[in-house]
Amino acid sequence: MRIMITGANGMVGKNILEQAATEKYKVFAPLRGELDLSNSVAVDEYVSRIKPDMVIHTAGKVGGIQANMREPVNFLLENLDMGRNIVWAARKCGVKRLINLASSCIYPRNAANPLKEEMILQGELEPTNEGYALAKIAVSRLCSYISRENPEFQYKTLIPCNLYGRWDKFAPVHSHMIPAVIRKLHLAVLAGDKTVEIWGDGMARREFMYAGDVADCIYRAVEKFDTMPDLMNVGLGNDYSINDYYQVAAEVVGYKGSFTHDLTKPVGMARKLVDISRMTTWGWKPATSLTDGLAATYEFFKANNGDKK
């Protein structure tokens, strides 16, 4: 099978390529220098030339609360352009199977947890990452519309919960919560700091899954594509408070100090836990514990001098 993977230089893309299952397929994973996904002409030409049997779209402009609040225009336009271009190019070139990665931020901010797939577009989005969410919703809907118009084209969307792991971004200007916490605690240990600040009261709850697990799920989706639901959450089925993540990360990093809380800082949604009923029925579950995932991520951070990036 010939598989095209977008976002090969991103965290999810690199975790996919690290999986042993990659060797079973003819994989095309162009980097940004080889293919600009924002250029529709270039995307059309590339897909037409390689003629993949399946496309896996993982590319995206991603970031934490600070980045999303600072650059809503870029988060909307870049993700919308990339998604629209690759999905429509696949359709025009006759690619019958496509797996699109969305994000749990596409759910309404006030929806009852756990978040079920049918809740999408049933309420107001979280303002701190609305631009990113709108783009992801539009691309997901485009996939479903294509399949609805012509069932020969099966374009399906996975909705992962928050992710972390190897190849994550650790610089504060770009990072999500867990890599930011790892870096913060690592630097605190080096500096001998006795306190570390947590944004908000730390009671907001989040569901973070190790990126290696979502990569495993994607390869199962490749192998069991026909049985996979058209729209499916991918998550743990349980969550932890922000304070919990800091405590476990502190144990992994070796930070022995205490924590303070800055109640003036934004914290996003109070809770975001996805419903995994469809995933469980389909027959897949993640294998990596929080402690093991954080330990692997911290080792990657240290090995790659992540605090300098």
Protein backbone atom coordinates (compact mmCIF):
# COMPACT_ATOMS: atom_id res chain seq x y z
CA MET A 1 0.00 0.00 0.00
CA ARG A 2 1.22 3.50 -0.90
CA ILE A 3 0.58 5.90 1.99
CA MET A 4 1.12 9.65 2.00
CA ILE A 5 1.63 11.22 5.45
CA THR A 6 1.47 14.99 5.91
CA GLY A 7 3.14 16.66 8.87
CA ALA A 8 6.13 14.31 8.79
CA ASN A 9 8.20 16.81 10.76
CA GLY A 10 5.60 17.26 13.50
CA MET A 11 5.19 15.33 16.72
CA VAL A 12 2.45 12.99 15.47
CA GLY A 13 4.08 12.51 12.07
CA LYS A 14 7.44 11.60 13.57
CA ASN A 15 5.84 9.20 16.03
CA ILE A 16 4.02 7.51 13.14
CA LEU A 17 7.26 7.14 11.19
CA GLU A 18 8.98 5.64 14.25
CA GLN A 19 6.46 2.80 14.43
CA ALA A 20 7.66 -0.60 13.21
CA ALA A 21 4.51 -0.85 11.08
CA THR A 22 5.94 1.82 8.75
CA GLU A 23 8.13 -0.83 7.16
CA LYS A 24 5.06 -2.67 5.86
CA TYR A 25 4.09 0.15 3.50
CA LYS A 26 5.49 2.41 0.81
CA VAL A 27 5.42 5.68 2.71
CA PHE A 28 5.67 9.18 1.24
CA ALA A 29 6.29 11.75 3.97
CA PRO A 30 7.28 15.07 2.36
CA LEU A 31 8.79 17.75 4.59
CA ARG A 32 7.76 21.39 4.25
CA GLY A 33 10.75 22.09 2.01
CA GLU A 34 9.55 19.39 -0.37
CA LEU A 35 5.84 20.25 -0.32
CA ASP A 36 4.13 23.44 0.84
CA LEU A 37 0.65 22.32 1.89
CA SER A 38 -0.62 25.89 1.69
CA ASN A 39 0.05 25.84 -2.08
CA SER A 40 -2.92 24.07 -3.65
CA VAL A 41 -1.25 23.74 -7.06
CA ALA A 42 1.81 22.08 -5.53
CA VAL A 43 -0.35 19.74 -3.44
CA ASP A 44 -2.41 18.73 -6.48
CA GLU A 45 0.75 18.00 -8.46
CA TYR A 46 2.36 15.97 -5.67
CA VAL A 47 -0.68 13.79 -4.97
CA SER A 48 -1.25 13.25 -8.68
CA ARG A 49 2.37 12.22 -9.16
CA ILE A 50 2.75 9.73 -6.30
CA LYS A 51 -0.78 8.29 -6.57
CA PRO A 52 -1.19 7.16 -2.94
CA ASP A 53 -3.71 4.51 -1.93
CA MET A 54 -4.30 6.37 1.32
CA VAL A 55 -3.57 9.81 2.76
CA ILE A 56 -3.00 10.40 6.49
CA HIS A 57 -3.31 14.11 7.26
CA THR A 58 -1.54 15.01 10.51
CA ALA A 59 0.00 18.35 9.50
CA GLY A 60 -1.06 21.48 11.34
CA LYS A 61 0.00 24.68 13.00
CA VAL A 62 -0.24 23.84 16.69
CA GLY A 63 0.50 25.60 19.96
CA GLY A 64 -0.65 26.21 23.51
CA ILE A 65 -2.95 28.87 24.94
CA GLN A 66 -0.42 31.68 24.56
CA ALA A 67 0.24 30.98 20.89
CA ASN A 68 -3.45 30.51 20.03
CA MET A 69 -4.43 33.76 21.72
CA ARG A 70 -1.57 35.64 20.08
CA GLU A 71 -2.07 34.39 16.51
CA PRO A 72 -5.72 33.46 15.89
CA VAL A 73 -5.55 34.52 12.22
CA ASN A 74 -2.59 32.25 11.46
CA PHE A 75 -4.07 29.31 13.38
CA LEU A 76 -7.30 29.61 11.40
CA LEU A 77 -5.88 30.25 7.95
CA GLU A 78 -2.89 27.89 7.98
CA ASN A 79 -4.83 24.91 9.29
CA LEU A 80 -7.78 25.58 7.01
CA ASP A 81 -5.57 25.96 3.93
CA MET A 82 -3.50 22.85 4.64
CA GLY A 83 -6.52 20.68 5.39
CA ARG A 84 -8.61 21.89 2.48
CA ASN A 85 -5.75 21.54 0.00
CA ILE A 86 -4.75 17.98 0.89
CA VAL A 87 -8.30 16.64 1.27
CA TRP A 88 -9.51 18.16 -1.99
CA ALA A 89 -6.37 17.12 -3.86
CA ALA A 90 -6.93 13.55 -2.69
CA ARG A 91 -10.52 13.67 -3.91
CA LYS A 92 -9.60 15.12 -7.31
CA CYS A 93 -6.83 12.55 -7.77
CA GLY A 94 -9.10 9.63 -6.93
CA VAL A 95 -7.62 8.64 -3.57
CA LYS A 96 -10.37 6.48 -2.04
CA ARG A 97 -9.18 6.40 1.58
CA LEU A 98 -8.11 9.25 3.84
CA ILE A 99 -7.54 9.58 7.60
CA ASN A 100 -7.81 13.13 8.91
CA LEU A 101 -6.64 14.14 12.38
CA ALA A 102 -8.78 16.70 14.17
CA SER A 103 -8.54 17.82 17.81
CA SER A 104 -10.71 17.66 20.90
CA CYS A 105 -10.75 21.47 20.93
CA ILE A 106 -13.48 21.24 18.26
CA TYR A 107 -16.01 20.46 21.01
CA PRO A 108 -18.18 23.20 22.55
CA ARG A 109 -16.67 24.78 25.64
CA ASN A 110 -19.72 24.09 27.82
CA ALA A 111 -20.55 20.61 26.55
CA ALA A 112 -21.07 17.95 29.21
CA ASN A 113 -18.13 15.61 29.70
CA PRO A 114 -17.30 13.07 28.42
CA LEU A 115 -17.43 14.66 24.96
CA LYS A 116 -19.34 12.57 22.43
CA GLU A 117 -18.74 12.86 18.69
CA GLU A 118 -22.31 14.01 18.04
CA MET A 119 -21.74 17.13 20.22
CA ILE A 120 -19.64 18.86 17.55
CA LEU A 121 -21.17 22.21 16.50
CA GLN A 122 -23.73 22.01 19.32
CA GLY A 123 -22.41 25.05 21.17
CA GLU A 124 -19.91 27.91 21.49
CA LEU A 125 -16.23 27.07 21.12
CA GLU A 126 -13.51 27.84 23.67
CA PRO A 127 -12.37 31.41 22.79
CA THR A 128 -8.68 30.81 23.55
CA ASN A 129 -8.28 28.44 20.57
CA GLU A 130 -11.36 29.19 18.48
CA GLY A 131 -9.47 29.86 15.23
CA TYR A 132 -7.70 26.50 15.33
CA ALA A 133 -10.93 24.72 16.23
CA LEU A 134 -12.89 26.31 13.39
CA ALA A 135 -10.30 25.18 10.87
CA LYS A 136 -10.32 21.62 12.21
CA ILE A 137 -14.12 21.49 12.15
CA ALA A 138 -14.25 22.73 8.56
CA VAL A 139 -11.77 20.11 7.35
CA SER A 140 -13.58 17.34 9.24
CA ARG A 141 -16.88 18.39 7.67
CA LEU A 142 -15.29 18.50 4.22
CA CYS A 143 -14.21 14.88 4.69
CA SER A 144 -17.71 13.81 5.70
CA TYR A 145 -19.33 15.75 2.84
CA ILE A 146 -17.06 14.05 0.29
CA SER A 147 -17.98 10.62 1.63
CA ARG A 148 -21.66 11.55 1.72
CA GLU A 149 -21.67 12.67 -1.91
CA ASN A 150 -19.80 9.58 -3.11
CA PRO A 151 -19.44 6.61 -0.72
CA GLU A 152 -16.58 5.23 -2.83
CA PHE A 153 -14.47 7.89 -1.12
CA GLN A 154 -14.13 7.02 2.56
CA TYR A 155 -12.62 10.05 4.29
CA LYS A 156 -12.60 9.51 8.05
CA THR A 157 -11.61 11.70 10.99
CA LEU A 158 -9.91 10.77 14.25
CA ILE A 159 -10.28 13.19 17.18
CA PRO A 160 -7.38 12.71 19.59
CA CYS A 161 -7.42 14.12 23.07
CA ASN A 162 -4.48 16.33 24.03
CA LEU A 163 -1.16 14.75 23.06
CA TYR A 164 2.42 14.87 24.34
CA GLY A 165 5.56 12.83 23.84
CA ARG A 166 8.73 12.46 21.83
CA TRP A 167 9.29 15.21 19.25
CA ASP A 168 7.09 17.63 21.16
CA LYS A 169 7.79 21.39 21.20
CA PHE A 170 9.25 22.55 24.50
CA ALA A 171 9.85 26.29 23.97
CA PRO A 172 7.22 28.31 25.92
CA VAL A 173 6.23 30.36 22.87
CA HIS A 174 5.07 27.20 21.05
CA SER A 175 4.51 24.49 23.65
CA HIS A 176 1.40 22.82 25.00
CA MET A 177 1.03 22.24 28.71
CA ILE A 178 3.00 19.05 29.35
CA PRO A 179 6.21 19.94 27.47
CA ALA A 180 6.02 23.40 29.05
CA VAL A 181 5.71 21.81 32.50
CA ILE A 182 8.62 19.45 31.86
CA ARG A 183 10.86 22.30 30.72
CA LYS A 184 9.79 24.53 33.62
CA LEU A 185 10.50 21.86 36.23
CA HIS A 186 13.79 20.88 34.57
CA LEU A 187 15.02 24.48 34.69
CA ALA A 188 13.80 24.83 38.27
CA VAL A 189 15.91 21.83 39.29
CA LEU A 190 18.97 23.26 37.53
CA ALA A 191 18.47 26.66 39.17
CA GLY A 192 17.69 25.24 42.60
CA ASP A 193 14.31 27.00 42.70
CA LYS A 194 12.13 26.23 45.70
CA THR A 195 8.80 27.21 44.07
CA VAL A 196 7.26 26.80 40.63
CA GLU A 197 4.23 28.75 39.42
CA ILE A 198 1.10 27.09 38.03
CA TRP A 199 -1.36 29.08 35.93
CA GLY A 200 -4.79 29.26 37.59
CA ASP A 201 -5.75 27.16 40.59
CA GLY A 202 -4.63 23.93 38.92
CA MET A 203 -8.05 22.33 39.24
CA ALA A 204 -8.90 22.33 35.54
CA ARG A 205 -8.84 18.77 34.23
CA ARG A 206 -7.16 17.53 31.06
CA GLU A 207 -6.75 14.25 29.20
CA PHE A 208 -3.25 13.83 27.74
CA MET A 209 -2.26 10.77 25.73
CA TYR A 210 1.25 9.72 24.74
CA ALA A 211 1.87 10.43 21.05
CA GLY A 212 3.30 6.96 20.47
CA ASP A 213 -0.11 5.55 21.37
CA VAL A 214 -2.00 7.70 18.86
CA ALA A 215 0.52 6.61 16.22
CA ASP A 216 -0.29 2.99 17.07
CA CYS A 217 -4.00 3.79 16.75
CA ILE A 218 -3.44 5.35 13.33
CA TYR A 219 -1.71 2.24 12.04
CA ARG A 220 -4.55 0.11 13.36
CA ALA A 221 -6.87 2.46 11.46
CA VAL A 222 -4.86 1.77 8.31
CA GLU A 223 -5.17 -1.98 8.81
CA LYS A 224 -8.79 -1.97 9.99
CA PHE A 225 -9.98 1.00 7.95
CA ASP A 226 -13.29 -0.50 6.83
CA THR A 227 -14.44 -1.20 10.41
CA MET A 228 -13.33 2.14 11.85
CA PRO A 229 -16.13 4.67 12.49
CA ASP A 230 -16.25 7.70 10.18
CA LEU A 231 -15.70 9.97 13.18
CA MET A 232 -14.00 8.67 16.32
CA ASN A 233 -12.48 10.04 19.49
CA VAL A 234 -9.09 8.68 20.50
CA GLY A 235 -8.32 9.05 24.18
CA LEU A 236 -7.76 7.52 27.60
CA GLY A 237 -11.26 7.64 29.02
CA ASN A 238 -9.96 9.33 32.18
CA ASP A 239 -8.36 12.67 33.02
CA TYR A 240 -6.21 14.41 35.65
CA SER A 241 -6.09 17.89 37.14
CA ILE A 242 -3.35 20.32 36.14
CA ASN A 243 -2.01 19.96 39.68
CA ASP A 244 -1.83 16.19 39.19
CA TYR A 245 0.25 16.59 36.02
CA TYR A 246 2.66 18.90 37.82
CA GLN A 247 3.02 16.42 40.68
CA VAL A 248 3.74 13.42 38.46
CA ALA A 249 6.08 15.44 36.25
CA ALA A 250 7.91 16.67 39.37
CA GLU A 251 8.53 13.06 40.41
CA VAL A 252 9.85 12.20 36.94
CA VAL A 253 12.09 15.27 36.71
CA GLY A 254 13.25 15.17 40.32
CA TYR A 255 11.83 18.52 41.43
CA LYS A 256 11.47 18.62 45.23
CA GLY A 257 10.08 22.13 45.73
CA SER A 258 6.55 23.47 46.16
CA PHE A 259 4.01 25.11 43.84
CA THR A 260 2.27 28.48 43.77
CA HIS A 261 -0.79 29.48 41.74
CA ASP A 262 -1.30 32.62 39.63
CA LEU A 263 -5.08 33.07 39.54
CA THR A 264 -4.84 35.93 37.00
CA LYS A 265 -3.68 33.66 34.16
CA PRO A 266 -6.07 32.04 31.60
CA VAL A 267 -6.66 28.31 31.96
CA GLY A 268 -8.99 27.46 29.05
CA MET A 269 -11.84 24.97 29.45
CA ALA A 270 -12.54 23.69 32.97
CA ARG A 271 -12.57 20.12 31.70
CA LYS A 272 -12.07 18.31 28.40
CA LEU A 273 -12.54 14.54 28.50
CA VAL A 274 -13.51 12.64 25.35
CA ASP A 275 -15.95 9.77 25.25
CA ILE A 276 -14.17 6.63 24.00
CA SER A 277 -17.20 4.39 23.49
CA ARG A 278 -16.71 4.14 19.72
CA MET A 279 -12.99 3.52 20.12
CA THR A 280 -13.54 0.81 22.72
CA THR A 281 -16.16 -0.92 20.60
CA TRP A 282 -13.76 -0.77 17.65
CA GLY A 283 -11.25 -2.64 19.80
CA TRP A 284 -8.29 -0.35 20.50
CA LYS A 285 -6.90 1.18 23.71
CA PRO A 286 -3.70 3.10 24.60
CA ALA A 287 -0.89 1.23 26.34
CA THR A 288 1.32 3.92 27.93
CA SER A 289 0.85 5.07 31.53
CA LEU A 290 1.22 8.73 32.48
CA THR A 291 4.43 8.10 34.42
CA ASP A 292 6.00 6.08 31.61
CA GLY A 293 4.95 8.60 28.99
CA LEU A 294 6.31 11.55 30.95
CA ALA A 295 9.57 9.68 31.59
CA ALA A 296 10.04 8.94 27.88
CA THR A 297 9.23 12.55 27.00
CA TYR A 298 11.69 13.88 29.58
CA GLU A 299 14.45 11.62 28.28
CA PHE A 300 13.78 12.91 24.77
CA PHE A 301 13.89 16.50 26.05
CA LYS A 302 17.25 15.98 27.74
CA ALA A 303 18.77 14.07 24.83
CA ASN A 304 17.79 16.77 22.36
CA ASN A 305 18.72 19.75 24.51
CA GLY A 306 15.08 20.82 24.32
CA ASP A 307 15.48 23.71 26.74
CA LYS A 308 17.51 25.50 24.07
CA LYS A 309 14.75 25.22 21.44
